[in-house]
Amino acid sequence: MTKQPPLPKTCLVLDCFALTYRAYFGLPSTIRTRSGQAINAVLGFYNTVFSLIQQFRPEYIVVASDHPEPTFRHDLYSQYKAQRPPMPEDLKNQLPLIREVIDSMELPLLKAPGFEADDVIGTITKRLPPETHCYVITTDRDALQLAQDTVTIVSPNSRANKVYTPEIVEYEWGVPPEGIPDMKALMGDGSDNIPGVPLVGPKTARRWLKEYGTLENLLEHTHELKGKAAQNLAASKQDVILYKHLATIHCDVPTVVCWRQARLSFDPAVLRETLGSIGIRAAVPHVG
């Protein structure tokens, strides 16, 4: 009898702020405690984690978060994400409660000075235990560049989660996952305030990258291109290299992943007590 290879273990990596914002704007602000504090983000965050545990039955869960300090991207480009409004006070006041839920579930929360959650997530995907498949849970499209054979990107949705394998990323974007930063450098990214090249949109960026492969190779052949967009590209080579650097997730963040601590194991009574103290009555997942 042929011995079957072992099934891969499952690891969930949660983008804390992405899921928190999704929860905050996805549930009505009228969800409050008796004292009047909003808890819609806490409830939505917990419900998402509960649903993911039920669906994936993970061996490991790690939560990644942005660090409050400015990142190296802000040092390189002062306008990076400058257009984003400040976090709503109602949401900011819920962050300590979300942290209580994370701690009650004994989930490690990782962040690194000078880096974003994306960089922490990318680093985790490069340090997985053997025979482990990682599902990155986020609404941030920057993470699509991390998709590979052992890493799937999952964008949570109330109806059905959107799943991105490398094949799906290439089908939808016209470039493989590693080409996402090249695309963003050329066409810009409004969510991160990356300008891109004037007159270059998705179609032009895809066509150029399909022909030349990488941004660097494209920049060596701008003399072969025609049109105003090509002239703009030739005139902004240094800027475009910077934009790619801003859009590229760094996978070598100085952080430590303890997989023993990341194993999903917590005391349901402690979690239930924490939820109750916040004012949330919800089911608690069975683990173990």
C-alpha atoms as a PDB file:
ATOM      1  CA  MET A   1       0.000   0.000   0.000  1.00  0.00           C
ATOM      2  CA  THR A   2       1.357   3.403  -0.999  1.00  0.00           C
ATOM      3  CA  LYS A   3       1.873   5.687   1.962  1.00  0.00           C
ATOM      4  CA  GLN A   4       0.015   8.966   1.524  1.00  0.00           C
ATOM      5  CA  PRO A   5       1.892  12.191   2.280  1.00  0.00           C
ATOM      6  CA  PRO A   6       0.696  13.956   5.440  1.00  0.00           C
ATOM      7  CA  LEU A   7      -1.908  16.666   5.016  1.00  0.00           C
ATOM      8  CA  PRO A   8      -0.444  20.149   5.498  1.00  0.00           C
ATOM      9  CA  LYS A   9      -1.120  21.959   8.733  1.00  0.00           C
ATOM     10  CA  THR A  10      -3.070  25.197   8.454  1.00  0.00           C
ATOM     11  CA  CYS A  11      -1.877  28.593   9.648  1.00  0.00           C
ATOM     12  CA  LEU A  12      -4.007  31.743   9.674  1.00  0.00           C
ATOM     13  CA  VAL A  13      -2.267  35.120   9.663  1.00  0.00           C
ATOM     14  CA  LEU A  14      -4.706  37.909  10.497  1.00  0.00           C
ATOM     15  CA  ASP A  15      -4.201  41.517   9.400  1.00  0.00           C
ATOM     16  CA  CYS A  16      -5.438  43.136  12.612  1.00  0.00           C
ATOM     17  CA  PHE A  17      -6.166  46.684  11.431  1.00  0.00           C
ATOM     18  CA  ALA A  18      -7.627  45.600   8.089  1.00  0.00           C
ATOM     19  CA  LEU A  19     -10.102  43.312   9.848  1.00  0.00           C
ATOM     20  CA  THR A  20     -10.794  45.924  12.532  1.00  0.00           C
ATOM     21  CA  TYR A  21     -11.664  48.621   9.983  1.00  0.00           C
ATOM     22  CA  ARG A  22     -13.812  46.160   8.046  1.00  0.00           C
ATOM     23  CA  ALA A  23     -15.686  45.277  11.237  1.00  0.00           C
ATOM     24  CA  TYR A  24     -16.137  48.917  12.262  1.00  0.00           C
ATOM     25  CA  PHE A  25     -17.635  50.020   8.971  1.00  0.00           C
ATOM     26  CA  GLY A  26     -19.504  46.761   8.418  1.00  0.00           C
ATOM     27  CA  LEU A  27     -21.650  46.850  11.566  1.00  0.00           C
ATOM     28  CA  PRO A  28     -23.892  49.684  12.793  1.00  0.00           C
ATOM     29  CA  SER A  29     -22.440  52.139  15.289  1.00  0.00           C
ATOM     30  CA  THR A  30     -25.554  51.642  17.421  1.00  0.00           C
ATOM     31  CA  ILE A  31     -23.999  48.437  18.794  1.00  0.00           C
ATOM     32  CA  ARG A  32     -22.900  49.773  22.169  1.00  0.00           C
ATOM     33  CA  THR A  33     -22.535  48.820  25.792  1.00  0.00           C
ATOM     34  CA  ARG A  34     -25.026  49.994  28.398  1.00  0.00           C
ATOM     35  CA  SER A  35     -22.616  52.795  29.235  1.00  0.00           C
ATOM     36  CA  GLY A  36     -22.701  53.963  25.622  1.00  0.00           C
ATOM     37  CA  GLN A  37     -19.310  52.782  24.334  1.00  0.00           C
ATOM     38  CA  ALA A  38     -19.327  51.494  20.766  1.00  0.00           C
ATOM     39  CA  ILE A  39     -18.353  47.825  20.442  1.00  0.00           C
ATOM     40  CA  ASN A  40     -19.326  47.177  16.827  1.00  0.00           C
ATOM     41  CA  ALA A  41     -15.682  46.732  15.761  1.00  0.00           C
ATOM     42  CA  VAL A  42     -15.003  44.367  18.669  1.00  0.00           C
ATOM     43  CA  LEU A  43     -18.035  42.254  17.828  1.00  0.00           C
ATOM     44  CA  GLY A  44     -17.261  42.223  14.109  1.00  0.00           C
ATOM     45  CA  PHE A  45     -13.609  41.347  14.679  1.00  0.00           C
ATOM     46  CA  TYR A  46     -14.498  38.500  17.024  1.00  0.00           C
ATOM     47  CA  ASN A  47     -17.194  37.157  14.712  1.00  0.00           C
ATOM     48  CA  THR A  48     -14.696  37.120  11.843  1.00  0.00           C
ATOM     49  CA  VAL A  49     -12.101  35.217  13.870  1.00  0.00           C
ATOM     50  CA  PHE A  50     -14.758  32.787  15.131  1.00  0.00           C
ATOM     51  CA  SER A  51     -15.949  32.139  11.570  1.00  0.00           C
ATOM     52  CA  LEU A  52     -12.395  31.604  10.319  1.00  0.00           C
ATOM     53  CA  ILE A  53     -11.668  29.086  13.061  1.00  0.00           C
ATOM     54  CA  GLN A  54     -14.844  27.193  12.207  1.00  0.00           C
ATOM     55  CA  GLN A  55     -13.997  27.197   8.505  1.00  0.00           C
ATOM     56  CA  PHE A  56     -10.265  26.457   8.493  1.00  0.00           C
ATOM     57  CA  ARG A  57      -9.715  24.557  11.772  1.00  0.00           C
ATOM     58  CA  PRO A  58      -6.191  26.007  11.944  1.00  0.00           C
ATOM     59  CA  GLU A  59      -3.253  24.577  13.801  1.00  0.00           C
ATOM     60  CA  TYR A  60      -1.761  28.053  14.188  1.00  0.00           C
ATOM     61  CA  ILE A  61      -3.045  31.635  14.297  1.00  0.00           C
ATOM     62  CA  VAL A  62      -0.881  34.754  14.320  1.00  0.00           C
ATOM     63  CA  VAL A  63      -2.137  38.351  14.401  1.00  0.00           C
ATOM     64  CA  ALA A  64      -0.062  41.031  12.655  1.00  0.00           C
ATOM     65  CA  SER A  65      -0.497  44.739  13.331  1.00  0.00           C
ATOM     66  CA  ASP A  66       0.891  48.089  12.232  1.00  0.00           C
ATOM     67  CA  HIS A  67       3.342  49.747  14.614  1.00  0.00           C
ATOM     68  CA  PRO A  68       2.343  53.241  15.833  1.00  0.00           C
ATOM     69  CA  GLU A  69       5.686  54.716  14.735  1.00  0.00           C
ATOM     70  CA  PRO A  70       6.207  55.987  11.157  1.00  0.00           C
ATOM     71  CA  THR A  71       7.590  53.379   8.769  1.00  0.00           C
ATOM     72  CA  PHE A  72      10.603  53.371   6.477  1.00  0.00           C
ATOM     73  CA  ARG A  73       8.164  54.182   3.661  1.00  0.00           C
ATOM     74  CA  HIS A  74       7.295  57.493   5.320  1.00  0.00           C
ATOM     75  CA  ASP A  75      11.017  58.245   5.547  1.00  0.00           C
ATOM     76  CA  LEU A  76      11.411  57.580   1.822  1.00  0.00           C
ATOM     77  CA  TYR A  77       8.270  59.434   0.740  1.00  0.00           C
ATOM     78  CA  SER A  78       6.667  61.965   3.081  1.00  0.00           C
ATOM     79  CA  GLN A  79       3.316  61.810   1.253  1.00  0.00           C
ATOM     80  CA  TYR A  80       2.935  58.064   1.759  1.00  0.00           C
ATOM     81  CA  LYS A  81      -0.680  57.463   2.908  1.00  0.00           C
ATOM     82  CA  ALA A  82      -0.890  61.191   3.696  1.00  0.00           C
ATOM     83  CA  GLN A  83      -4.405  61.419   2.271  1.00  0.00           C
ATOM     84  CA  ARG A  84      -5.895  58.985   4.779  1.00  0.00           C
ATOM     85  CA  PRO A  85      -8.158  60.481   7.456  1.00  0.00           C
ATOM     86  CA  PRO A  86      -7.331  59.823  11.114  1.00  0.00           C
ATOM     87  CA  MET A  87      -8.864  56.818  12.802  1.00  0.00           C
ATOM     88  CA  PRO A  88     -12.385  57.576  14.107  1.00  0.00           C
ATOM     89  CA  GLU A  89     -12.448  58.098  17.873  1.00  0.00           C
ATOM     90  CA  ASP A  90     -15.197  55.490  18.258  1.00  0.00           C
ATOM     91  CA  LEU A  91     -12.890  52.945  16.637  1.00  0.00           C
ATOM     92  CA  LYS A  92      -9.765  54.046  18.489  1.00  0.00           C
ATOM     93  CA  ASN A  93     -11.579  53.538  21.800  1.00  0.00           C
ATOM     94  CA  GLN A  94     -12.314  49.933  20.841  1.00  0.00           C
ATOM     95  CA  LEU A  95      -8.709  48.922  20.159  1.00  0.00           C
ATOM     96  CA  PRO A  96      -7.935  48.050  23.817  1.00  0.00           C
ATOM     97  CA  LEU A  97     -11.038  45.834  23.882  1.00  0.00           C
ATOM     98  CA  ILE A  98      -9.979  44.071  20.691  1.00  0.00           C
ATOM     99  CA  ARG A  99      -6.578  43.514  22.295  1.00  0.00           C
ATOM    100  CA  GLU A 100      -8.332  41.945  25.296  1.00  0.00           C
ATOM    101  CA  VAL A 101     -10.116  39.518  22.972  1.00  0.00           C
ATOM    102  CA  ILE A 102      -6.852  38.646  21.205  1.00  0.00           C
ATOM    103  CA  ASP A 103      -5.115  38.062  24.543  1.00  0.00           C
ATOM    104  CA  SER A 104      -8.005  35.945  25.838  1.00  0.00           C
ATOM    105  CA  MET A 105      -7.639  33.717  22.780  1.00  0.00           C
ATOM    106  CA  GLU A 106      -3.889  33.558  23.504  1.00  0.00           C
ATOM    107  CA  LEU A 107      -3.059  34.683  19.975  1.00  0.00           C
ATOM    108  CA  PRO A 108       0.411  36.198  19.466  1.00  0.00           C
ATOM    109  CA  LEU A 109       0.224  39.797  18.224  1.00  0.00           C
ATOM    110  CA  LEU A 110       3.288  40.807  16.218  1.00  0.00           C
ATOM    111  CA  LYS A 111       4.390  44.280  15.135  1.00  0.00           C
ATOM    112  CA  ALA A 112       7.761  45.810  14.294  1.00  0.00           C
ATOM    113  CA  PRO A 113       9.007  49.424  14.574  1.00  0.00           C
ATOM    114  CA  GLY A 114       9.484  51.004  11.166  1.00  0.00           C
ATOM    115  CA  PHE A 115       7.368  48.429   9.351  1.00  0.00           C
ATOM    116  CA  GLU A 116       3.735  47.829   8.466  1.00  0.00           C
ATOM    117  CA  ALA A 117       1.575  44.814   9.187  1.00  0.00           C
ATOM    118  CA  ASP A 118       2.085  43.738   5.558  1.00  0.00           C
ATOM    119  CA  ASP A 119       5.821  43.403   6.167  1.00  0.00           C
ATOM    120  CA  VAL A 120       5.254  41.375   9.327  1.00  0.00           C
ATOM    121  CA  ILE A 121       2.828  39.147   7.421  1.00  0.00           C
ATOM    122  CA  GLY A 122       5.300  38.695   4.577  1.00  0.00           C
ATOM    123  CA  THR A 123       8.011  37.718   7.045  1.00  0.00           C
ATOM    124  CA  ILE A 124       5.737  35.161   8.707  1.00  0.00           C
ATOM    125  CA  THR A 125       4.969  33.534   5.340  1.00  0.00           C
ATOM    126  CA  LYS A 126       8.702  32.964   4.847  1.00  0.00           C
ATOM    127  CA  ARG A 127       9.122  31.285   8.249  1.00  0.00           C
ATOM    128  CA  LEU A 128       6.305  28.743   8.253  1.00  0.00           C
ATOM    129  CA  PRO A 129       6.738  25.414  10.016  1.00  0.00           C
ATOM    130  CA  PRO A 130       7.340  22.454   7.673  1.00  0.00           C
ATOM    131  CA  GLU A 131       4.302  21.102   5.810  1.00  0.00           C
ATOM    132  CA  THR A 132       2.154  24.129   6.654  1.00  0.00           C
ATOM    133  CA  HIS A 133      -0.166  26.071   4.369  1.00  0.00           C
ATOM    134  CA  CYS A 134      -0.714  29.704   5.273  1.00  0.00           C
ATOM    135  CA  TYR A 135      -3.902  31.682   4.717  1.00  0.00           C
ATOM    136  CA  VAL A 136      -3.389  35.441   4.968  1.00  0.00           C
ATOM    137  CA  ILE A 137      -6.661  37.057   6.056  1.00  0.00           C
ATOM    138  CA  THR A 138      -6.826  40.653   4.896  1.00  0.00           C
ATOM    139  CA  THR A 139      -8.745  43.173   2.820  1.00  0.00           C
ATOM    140  CA  ASP A 140      -5.497  44.840   1.710  1.00  0.00           C
ATOM    141  CA  ARG A 141      -4.717  44.144  -1.942  1.00  0.00           C
ATOM    142  CA  ASP A 142      -1.012  44.777  -1.332  1.00  0.00           C
ATOM    143  CA  ALA A 143      -0.888  41.286   0.184  1.00  0.00           C
ATOM    144  CA  LEU A 144      -1.679  39.684  -3.185  1.00  0.00           C
ATOM    145  CA  GLN A 145       2.033  39.794  -3.992  1.00  0.00           C
ATOM    146  CA  LEU A 146       2.568  37.196  -1.238  1.00  0.00           C
ATOM    147  CA  ALA A 147       0.476  34.496  -2.940  1.00  0.00           C
ATOM    148  CA  GLN A 148       2.455  31.332  -3.671  1.00  0.00           C
ATOM    149  CA  ASP A 149       2.073  27.556  -3.520  1.00  0.00           C
ATOM    150  CA  THR A 150       2.094  27.565   0.288  1.00  0.00           C
ATOM    151  CA  VAL A 151       0.353  30.921   0.784  1.00  0.00           C
ATOM    152  CA  THR A 152      -3.235  31.819  -0.123  1.00  0.00           C
ATOM    153  CA  ILE A 153      -4.694  35.285   0.363  1.00  0.00           C
ATOM    154  CA  VAL A 154      -8.259  35.379   1.706  1.00  0.00           C
ATOM    155  CA  SER A 155     -10.390  38.517   1.639  1.00  0.00           C
ATOM    156  CA  PRO A 156     -13.260  37.958   4.098  1.00  0.00           C
ATOM    157  CA  ASN A 157     -16.767  38.615   2.871  1.00  0.00           C
ATOM    158  CA  SER A 158     -20.119  38.283   4.586  1.00  0.00           C
ATOM    159  CA  ARG A 159     -21.390  36.016   1.804  1.00  0.00           C
ATOM    160  CA  ALA A 160     -18.318  34.127   0.614  1.00  0.00           C
ATOM    161  CA  ASN A 161     -14.633  34.730   1.178  1.00  0.00           C
ATOM    162  CA  LYS A 162     -12.636  35.777  -1.884  1.00  0.00           C
ATOM    163  CA  VAL A 163      -9.652  33.453  -2.292  1.00  0.00           C
ATOM    164  CA  TYR A 164      -6.500  34.408  -4.186  1.00  0.00           C
ATOM    165  CA  THR A 165      -4.072  31.743  -5.338  1.00  0.00           C
ATOM    166  CA  PRO A 166      -1.127  32.706  -7.576  1.00  0.00           C
ATOM    167  CA  GLU A 167      -3.174  31.629 -10.587  1.00  0.00           C
ATOM    168  CA  ILE A 168      -6.151  33.799  -9.623  1.00  0.00           C
ATOM    169  CA  VAL A 169      -3.905  36.803  -8.969  1.00  0.00           C
ATOM    170  CA  GLU A 170      -2.374  36.481 -12.425  1.00  0.00           C
ATOM    171  CA  TYR A 171      -5.775  35.978 -14.047  1.00  0.00           C
ATOM    172  CA  GLU A 172      -7.225  39.109 -12.444  1.00  0.00           C
ATOM    173  CA  TRP A 173      -4.167  41.373 -12.590  1.00  0.00           C
ATOM    174  CA  GLY A 174      -2.465  40.145 -15.739  1.00  0.00           C
ATOM    175  CA  VAL A 175       0.828  39.666 -13.882  1.00  0.00           C
ATOM    176  CA  PRO A 176       2.035  37.026 -11.398  1.00  0.00           C
ATOM    177  CA  PRO A 177       2.014  37.942  -7.687  1.00  0.00           C
ATOM    178  CA  GLU A 178       5.603  39.161  -7.760  1.00  0.00           C
ATOM    179  CA  GLY A 179       4.598  41.623 -10.492  1.00  0.00           C
ATOM    180  CA  ILE A 180       2.060  43.447  -8.307  1.00  0.00           C
ATOM    181  CA  PRO A 181       4.601  46.038  -7.045  1.00  0.00           C
ATOM    182  CA  ASP A 182       5.613  46.735 -10.669  1.00  0.00           C
ATOM    183  CA  MET A 183       1.965  47.302 -11.575  1.00  0.00           C
ATOM    184  CA  LYS A 184       1.378  49.630  -8.629  1.00  0.00           C
ATOM    185  CA  ALA A 185       4.555  51.584  -9.386  1.00  0.00           C
ATOM    186  CA  LEU A 186       3.381  52.225 -12.945  1.00  0.00           C
ATOM    187  CA  MET A 187      -0.326  52.890 -12.479  1.00  0.00           C
ATOM    188  CA  GLY A 188      -0.202  54.217  -8.916  1.00  0.00           C
ATOM    189  CA  ASP A 189      -2.158  53.231  -5.831  1.00  0.00           C
ATOM    190  CA  GLY A 190      -4.632  55.761  -4.490  1.00  0.00           C
ATOM    191  CA  SER A 191      -5.077  53.937  -1.185  1.00  0.00           C
ATOM    192  CA  ASP A 192      -1.371  54.402  -0.366  1.00  0.00           C
ATOM    193  CA  ASN A 193      -1.060  57.777  -2.127  1.00  0.00           C
ATOM    194  CA  ILE A 194       1.456  56.423  -4.645  1.00  0.00           C
ATOM    195  CA  PRO A 195       1.090  58.636  -7.752  1.00  0.00           C
ATOM    196  CA  GLY A 196       2.329  56.294 -10.470  1.00  0.00           C
ATOM    197  CA  VAL A 197       3.164  57.501 -13.977  1.00  0.00           C
ATOM    198  CA  PRO A 198       0.794  60.062 -15.538  1.00  0.00           C
ATOM    199  CA  LEU A 199      -1.472  58.553 -18.231  1.00  0.00           C
ATOM    200  CA  VAL A 200      -0.481  54.982 -17.305  1.00  0.00           C
ATOM    201  CA  GLY A 201      -3.441  52.826 -16.290  1.00  0.00           C
ATOM    202  CA  PRO A 202      -3.888  49.082 -15.738  1.00  0.00           C
ATOM    203  CA  LYS A 203      -4.065  48.197 -19.446  1.00  0.00           C
ATOM    204  CA  THR A 204      -0.867  50.020 -20.361  1.00  0.00           C
ATOM    205  CA  ALA A 205       0.979  48.705 -17.308  1.00  0.00           C
ATOM    206  CA  ARG A 206      -0.080  45.124 -18.078  1.00  0.00           C
ATOM    207  CA  ARG A 207       0.921  45.436 -21.726  1.00  0.00           C
ATOM    208  CA  TRP A 208       4.352  46.786 -20.898  1.00  0.00           C
ATOM    209  CA  LEU A 209       5.033  44.191 -18.198  1.00  0.00           C
ATOM    210  CA  LYS A 210       3.823  41.369 -20.414  1.00  0.00           C
ATOM    211  CA  GLU A 211       6.354  42.428 -23.042  1.00  0.00           C
ATOM    212  CA  TYR A 212       9.293  43.338 -20.805  1.00  0.00           C
ATOM    213  CA  GLY A 213       8.710  41.170 -17.728  1.00  0.00           C
ATOM    214  CA  THR A 214       9.841  43.478 -14.945  1.00  0.00           C
ATOM    215  CA  LEU A 215       9.820  47.185 -14.219  1.00  0.00           C
ATOM    216  CA  GLU A 216      13.611  47.295 -14.259  1.00  0.00           C
ATOM    217  CA  ASN A 217      13.798  45.710 -17.712  1.00  0.00           C
ATOM    218  CA  LEU A 218      11.048  48.011 -18.941  1.00  0.00           C
ATOM    219  CA  LEU A 219      12.989  51.079 -17.801  1.00  0.00           C
ATOM    220  CA  GLU A 220      15.990  49.926 -19.821  1.00  0.00           C
ATOM    221  CA  HIS A 221      13.866  49.889 -22.974  1.00  0.00           C
ATOM    222  CA  THR A 222      11.827  53.086 -22.711  1.00  0.00           C
ATOM    223  CA  HIS A 223      13.400  54.213 -25.996  1.00  0.00           C
ATOM    224  CA  GLU A 224      11.401  51.460 -27.719  1.00  0.00           C
ATOM    225  CA  LEU A 225       8.050  52.746 -26.430  1.00  0.00           C
ATOM    226  CA  LYS A 226       5.833  55.283 -28.138  1.00  0.00           C
ATOM    227  CA  GLY A 227       3.232  57.773 -26.955  1.00  0.00           C
ATOM    228  CA  LYS A 228       2.822  60.371 -24.229  1.00  0.00           C
ATOM    229  CA  ALA A 229       2.602  57.745 -21.471  1.00  0.00           C
ATOM    230  CA  ALA A 230       5.970  56.357 -22.588  1.00  0.00           C
ATOM    231  CA  GLN A 231       7.462  59.855 -22.483  1.00  0.00           C
ATOM    232  CA  ASN A 232       6.144  60.292 -18.954  1.00  0.00           C
ATOM    233  CA  LEU A 233       7.723  56.981 -17.958  1.00  0.00           C
ATOM    234  CA  ALA A 234      11.088  57.948 -19.421  1.00  0.00           C
ATOM    235  CA  ALA A 235      10.961  61.250 -17.540  1.00  0.00           C
ATOM    236  CA  SER A 236      10.163  59.680 -14.167  1.00  0.00           C
ATOM    237  CA  LYS A 237      12.456  56.655 -13.924  1.00  0.00           C
ATOM    238  CA  GLN A 238      13.778  57.442 -10.446  1.00  0.00           C
ATOM    239  CA  ASP A 239      10.297  58.139  -9.122  1.00  0.00           C
ATOM    240  CA  VAL A 240       8.976  54.843 -10.475  1.00  0.00           C
ATOM    241  CA  ILE A 241      11.781  52.891  -8.799  1.00  0.00           C
ATOM    242  CA  LEU A 242      10.833  54.612  -5.532  1.00  0.00           C
ATOM    243  CA  TYR A 243       7.165  53.762  -6.063  1.00  0.00           C
ATOM    244  CA  LYS A 244       8.030  50.097  -6.522  1.00  0.00           C
ATOM    245  CA  HIS A 245      10.057  50.162  -3.321  1.00  0.00           C
ATOM    246  CA  LEU A 246       7.069  51.631  -1.490  1.00  0.00           C
ATOM    247  CA  ALA A 247       4.732  48.986  -2.928  1.00  0.00           C
ATOM    248  CA  THR A 248       6.992  46.017  -2.191  1.00  0.00           C
ATOM    249  CA  ILE A 249       6.358  44.044   0.993  1.00  0.00           C
ATOM    250  CA  HIS A 250       9.545  43.382   2.941  1.00  0.00           C
ATOM    251  CA  CYS A 251       9.795  39.785   4.116  1.00  0.00           C
ATOM    252  CA  ASP A 252      12.816  40.159   6.395  1.00  0.00           C
ATOM    253  CA  VAL A 253      11.372  42.104   9.320  1.00  0.00           C
ATOM    254  CA  PRO A 254      13.312  41.682  12.598  1.00  0.00           C
ATOM    255  CA  THR A 255      10.572  39.880  14.485  1.00  0.00           C
ATOM    256  CA  VAL A 256      10.353  36.477  16.136  1.00  0.00           C
ATOM    257  CA  VAL A 257       7.586  33.980  15.428  1.00  0.00           C
ATOM    258  CA  CYS A 258       7.189  31.411  18.214  1.00  0.00           C
ATOM    259  CA  TRP A 259       5.123  28.657  16.636  1.00  0.00           C
ATOM    260  CA  ARG A 260       4.582  26.969  19.990  1.00  0.00           C
ATOM    261  CA  GLN A 261       2.759  30.090  21.192  1.00  0.00           C
ATOM    262  CA  ALA A 262       0.940  30.366  17.868  1.00  0.00           C
ATOM    263  CA  ARG A 263      -0.773  26.996  18.286  1.00  0.00           C
ATOM    264  CA  LEU A 264      -4.494  27.578  18.686  1.00  0.00           C
ATOM    265  CA  SER A 265      -5.189  26.738  22.298  1.00  0.00           C
ATOM    266  CA  PHE A 266      -7.062  28.819  24.843  1.00  0.00           C
ATOM    267  CA  ASP A 267      -9.367  28.523  27.837  1.00  0.00           C
ATOM    268  CA  PRO A 268     -12.973  28.960  26.604  1.00  0.00           C
ATOM    269  CA  ALA A 269     -14.039  30.140  30.065  1.00  0.00           C
ATOM    270  CA  VAL A 270     -11.521  32.995  29.996  1.00  0.00           C
ATOM    271  CA  LEU A 271     -12.646  34.068  26.530  1.00  0.00           C
ATOM    272  CA  ARG A 272     -16.300  33.849  27.545  1.00  0.00           C
ATOM    273  CA  GLU A 273     -15.613  35.992  30.613  1.00  0.00           C
ATOM    274  CA  THR A 274     -13.778  38.601  28.523  1.00  0.00           C
ATOM    275  CA  LEU A 275     -16.575  38.801  25.977  1.00  0.00           C
ATOM    276  CA  GLY A 276     -19.123  39.105  28.768  1.00  0.00           C
ATOM    277  CA  SER A 277     -17.212  41.912  30.465  1.00  0.00           C
ATOM    278  CA  ILE A 278     -17.202  43.819  27.162  1.00  0.00           C
ATOM    279  CA  GLY A 279     -20.917  43.244  26.702  1.00  0.00           C
ATOM    280  CA  ILE A 280     -20.795  40.617  23.971  1.00  0.00           C
ATOM    281  CA  ARG A 281     -22.848  37.445  24.104  1.00  0.00           C
ATOM    282  CA  ALA A 282     -21.463  35.118  21.466  1.00  0.00           C
ATOM    283  CA  ALA A 283     -20.544  31.497  20.891  1.00  0.00           C
ATOM    284  CA  VAL A 284     -17.016  30.402  21.735  1.00  0.00           C
ATOM    285  CA  PRO A 285     -15.198  28.051  19.332  1.00  0.00           C
ATOM    286  CA  HIS A 286     -14.189  24.601  20.473  1.00  0.00           C
ATOM    287  CA  VAL A 287     -10.471  23.976  20.059  1.00  0.00           C
ATOM    288  CA  GLY A 288      -8.247  21.040  20.717  1.00  0.00           C
END
